[in-house]
Structure formats: C-alpha cells, structure tokens
Protein backbone atom coordinates (compact mmCIF):
# COMPACT_ATOMS: atom_id res chain seq x y z
CA MET A 1 76.04 76.87 112.60
CA ASP A 2 76.90 79.56 115.12
CA THR A 3 74.26 82.16 115.75
CA PHE A 4 75.13 85.83 115.79
CA ARG A 5 75.44 87.30 119.27
CA ILE A 6 76.92 90.42 120.86
CA GLU A 7 77.10 90.58 124.64
CA THR A 8 77.42 93.76 126.66
CA PRO A 9 77.46 93.98 130.46
CA ARG A 10 73.64 93.90 130.65
CA LEU A 11 72.41 92.97 127.18
CA ILE A 12 72.49 90.37 124.46
CA LEU A 13 72.03 91.48 120.85
CA ARG A 14 71.07 88.59 118.59
CA GLU A 15 69.27 87.83 115.38
CA PHE A 16 65.49 87.81 115.57
CA VAL A 17 63.78 84.42 115.39
CA PRO A 18 60.12 83.70 114.53
CA GLU A 19 59.47 83.00 118.23
CA ASP A 20 60.09 86.72 118.93
CA LEU A 21 56.81 87.74 117.28
CA ALA A 22 54.78 88.13 120.50
CA GLY A 23 57.66 90.03 122.10
CA LEU A 24 57.79 92.38 119.10
CA TYR A 25 54.11 93.21 119.48
CA ARG A 26 54.61 93.81 123.21
CA LEU A 27 57.63 96.02 122.47
CA TYR A 28 55.60 98.15 120.06
CA GLU A 29 52.70 98.43 122.54
CA GLU A 30 55.07 99.72 125.25
CA SER A 31 56.87 102.23 123.03
CA ASP A 32 56.46 105.46 121.10
CA THR A 33 56.23 104.17 117.53
CA ARG A 34 55.12 107.35 115.76
CA TYR A 35 58.35 107.58 113.78
CA ILE A 36 58.84 103.96 112.70
CA GLU A 37 57.02 101.59 110.38
CA PRO A 38 54.19 99.88 112.27
CA LEU A 39 53.81 96.15 112.62
CA ALA A 40 51.09 94.52 110.54
CA LYS A 41 47.69 94.31 112.25
CA ASP A 42 47.56 90.62 111.31
CA PRO A 43 50.21 88.66 113.28
CA GLU A 44 50.39 86.00 110.54
CA GLU A 45 51.32 88.69 108.00
CA GLU A 46 53.96 90.07 110.37
CA LEU A 47 55.33 86.59 110.99
CA GLU A 48 55.84 86.13 107.23
CA LYS A 49 57.60 89.52 107.06
CA LEU A 50 59.83 88.51 109.98
CA LYS A 51 60.72 85.17 108.39
CA SER A 52 61.52 86.92 105.12
CA TYR A 53 63.70 89.47 106.94
CA ILE A 54 65.58 86.69 108.73
CA HIS A 55 66.16 84.77 105.50
CA TYR A 56 67.00 87.60 103.13
CA ILE A 57 68.58 90.33 105.24
CA TYR A 58 70.60 88.23 107.68
CA GLY A 59 71.25 85.73 104.88
CA PHE A 60 72.55 88.33 102.42
CA TYR A 61 74.27 90.91 104.64
CA GLY A 62 75.04 88.83 107.71
CA PHE A 63 73.66 91.65 109.86
CA GLY A 64 70.51 93.73 110.23
CA LEU A 65 68.32 94.97 113.05
CA TRP A 66 68.88 92.67 116.00
CA ALA A 67 66.82 91.76 119.03
CA VAL A 68 68.01 93.53 122.18
CA CYS A 69 67.43 91.27 125.19
CA LEU A 70 68.17 91.62 128.88
CA LYS A 71 71.05 89.29 129.69
CA GLU A 72 69.58 88.41 133.08
CA SER A 73 66.14 87.28 131.87
CA GLY A 74 66.30 87.02 128.07
CA GLU A 75 63.38 89.47 127.79
CA LEU A 76 63.14 91.25 124.43
CA ILE A 77 63.34 94.98 125.24
CA GLY A 78 64.26 96.50 121.90
CA ARG A 79 65.91 96.30 118.54
CA CYS A 80 69.12 97.84 117.36
CA GLY A 81 71.37 97.27 114.41
CA LEU A 82 72.45 98.28 110.95
CA GLN A 83 70.87 98.42 107.55
CA VAL A 84 72.37 99.40 104.22
CA GLU A 85 70.44 102.39 102.91
CA LEU A 86 70.77 105.05 100.25
CA ILE A 87 71.33 108.39 101.99
CA GLY A 88 71.50 111.21 99.45
CA ASP A 89 73.24 109.36 96.63
CA GLU A 90 75.55 107.22 98.80
CA GLY A 91 75.11 103.72 100.17
CA GLU A 92 75.57 103.96 103.94
CA TYR A 93 75.43 101.78 107.03
CA GLU A 94 72.40 103.18 108.79
CA LEU A 95 71.84 102.64 112.50
CA GLY A 96 68.37 101.87 113.78
CA TYR A 97 67.41 101.65 117.44
CA MET A 98 64.34 101.29 119.61
CA ILE A 99 64.13 100.44 123.31
CA SER A 100 60.88 99.71 125.11
CA GLY A 101 59.25 102.69 126.79
CA ARG A 102 59.34 100.64 130.00
CA TYR A 103 63.14 100.86 129.95
CA THR A 104 63.66 104.47 128.92
CA GLY A 105 66.35 106.17 131.00
CA CYS A 106 68.14 102.96 132.01
CA GLY A 107 71.05 103.38 129.60
CA TYR A 108 70.14 100.31 127.53
CA ALA A 109 69.91 102.27 124.27
CA SER A 110 73.41 103.69 124.76
CA GLU A 111 74.78 100.26 125.62
CA ALA A 112 73.21 98.66 122.54
CA VAL A 113 74.22 101.49 120.18
CA ARG A 114 77.84 101.43 121.40
CA ALA A 115 77.97 97.67 120.77
CA VAL A 116 76.60 98.10 117.24
CA LEU A 117 79.05 100.91 116.46
CA GLU A 118 81.92 98.75 117.70
CA TYR A 119 80.68 95.90 115.47
CA ALA A 120 80.46 98.26 112.46
CA GLY A 121 84.00 99.47 112.94
CA GLU A 122 85.65 96.17 113.80
CA GLU A 123 83.71 93.58 111.80
CA LEU A 124 82.50 95.61 108.81
CA GLU A 125 85.43 98.03 108.77
CA ALA A 126 82.89 100.78 108.14
CA PRO A 127 84.37 104.29 107.99
CA ARG A 128 81.18 105.72 109.48
CA VAL A 129 77.60 105.02 110.45
CA VAL A 130 74.66 107.32 109.82
CA VAL A 131 71.32 107.69 111.54
CA ARG A 132 68.24 109.24 109.96
CA ILE A 133 65.83 110.83 112.45
CA HIS A 134 62.44 112.36 111.80
CA LYS A 135 62.64 116.11 112.45
CA GLU A 136 59.83 115.92 115.03
CA ASN A 137 61.46 113.10 117.03
CA LYS A 138 63.11 115.32 119.67
CA ALA A 139 64.05 112.46 122.01
CA SER A 140 65.93 110.57 119.29
CA LEU A 141 67.62 113.76 118.07
CA ALA A 142 68.90 114.47 121.58
CA PHE A 143 70.00 110.85 122.03
CA ALA A 144 71.99 110.76 118.78
CA GLN A 145 73.82 113.95 119.67
CA LYS A 146 74.54 112.68 123.20
CA GLU A 147 76.03 109.52 121.66
CA GLY A 148 78.43 111.59 119.54
CA PHE A 149 76.65 111.73 116.19
CA ARG A 150 77.08 115.02 114.33
CA PRO A 151 74.81 116.59 111.70
CA MET A 152 75.46 115.64 108.09
CA ASP A 153 74.42 117.84 105.19
CA VAL A 154 72.39 115.75 102.74
CA LYS A 155 70.52 117.16 99.74
CA SER A 156 67.69 114.82 98.81
CA GLU A 157 63.90 114.99 98.62
CA VAL A 158 63.71 111.81 100.69
CA GLU A 159 65.57 113.50 103.52
CA ASP A 160 63.25 116.56 103.66
CA ASP A 161 61.45 115.26 106.78
CA PHE A 162 64.60 113.90 108.40
CA TYR A 163 67.87 114.99 109.87
CA VAL A 164 70.84 112.84 109.05
CA PHE A 165 73.64 112.45 111.59
CA VAL A 166 76.97 110.71 111.12
CA TYR A 167 79.35 108.93 113.50
CA ASP A 168 82.91 108.52 112.26
CA LEU A 169 84.49 105.25 113.32
C-alpha cells in the first residue's frame, strides 16, 4: 500500500503515524497553542486518539491533518491539512495549519498551505477551502489574508468567536 505524501521544495507532508507522538508533544511545547485543542495530559490517551484519527479519518476521507516534516532531516515541525466541517449550514473543506514556533518566519506555513490548497483543487476537485480563525488570533488572521483568503459572511452561533475566510480554487 502506498502511503500518502506531498513533497514541496523543503517539506514533506504525510499522514501521521503512532511514532509521531513524541514529536507532537514537542511541537505543542514549542508553539502558541491557545487557539487549538490541547493534547491530552496522558500520552497513552493521546496515542489512542492518534491511532483512532489515523484509522477513521484517513481511512474514511483519505485525507486529514498531515504531519509537516523538514525534507532534509525528517523532523516534524507542524501539521497542515483538511477536514470536512460544518460551517454555517454547509459542509466545507476546512484548512488547518500549525508550524512550530521555532520555525516561525521561515515560510514553511505558506509552503505547506499552498501544497494543501493545490491538493484540494486537483485531487478533491474542491471549489473552495475555508479557514476558521479565532477572532483574537491576530497572527493567523494576518497569515490567512496574506495567503489570499478573503472574509466569508457566515451566520451561526458556532462562528461567533471566529472569523471564517474562504479561498476559491
């Protein structure tokens, strides 16, 4: 069985594997995680969640949030990918991204996001991709706009604390 893999000039995006658990904890320690779901305090609990994600999400959709690794060393430096989420009352491909705080400003987030958007357009034939960003997350708001996402008007109680941006493919 072939494993999923996207290569960019400096990165490899691939499915997470259980062996990534320690790297995930390191990634979260090095990063601003105020706006994302935390990892479980118990690594065994998080390992079970990771295995379940691998089995059910990759198994059902064939995509999800992927490990972002440096091509040169294989080091896990982030995660980036797509999820299917209800935004307003529509099912949408939603982009998620996170790059280690150690690598902020190196262009890795842009490189990974562009690869995921290309995948969404070419492989999934998605008409668009959305991103939901907490209203207080100024860095992510600026990043999404720099990458070409534009505001999307969504009326929903769930979205009260978030801005929703859309990227037409």
